[in-house]
Amino acid sequence: MPRYYFHYRTEDRLIRDESGSEHANLEAAEKSAAEMGRAIIEKVAGEGGAMDAPRSIEIQDAAGQDLLYVVFWAGPKVGSGPATPIEPATVH
């Protein structure tokens, strides 16, 4: 199975995935990145952190080639609850 690397980009830094993980194909890796994005939004927004700027998971293959960017952010607060996650969008 191919190995994919999921680098996390915030407004001001890139957190590199040094170990990667195996997935059947790019579609499976994209699904995993979308799940990571949702978990990040829920954690940051749940702790009261700002998620108004887009963040991304940048997927690379084992050769270091950029394959896909999964962009995500939380929408504005409505009411007194936490921000609402926006469905991750992909950029090919």
Foldseek 3Di string as FASTA:
>chain_A
DWWKWWWKFDPPDIRTRPPTDDDPDVVRVLVVQQVVQVVVQCVQQVVVHAFPDKMWTFMDTPVRDTDKIWIWTFDDDDPDDTTHTDRIDMDD
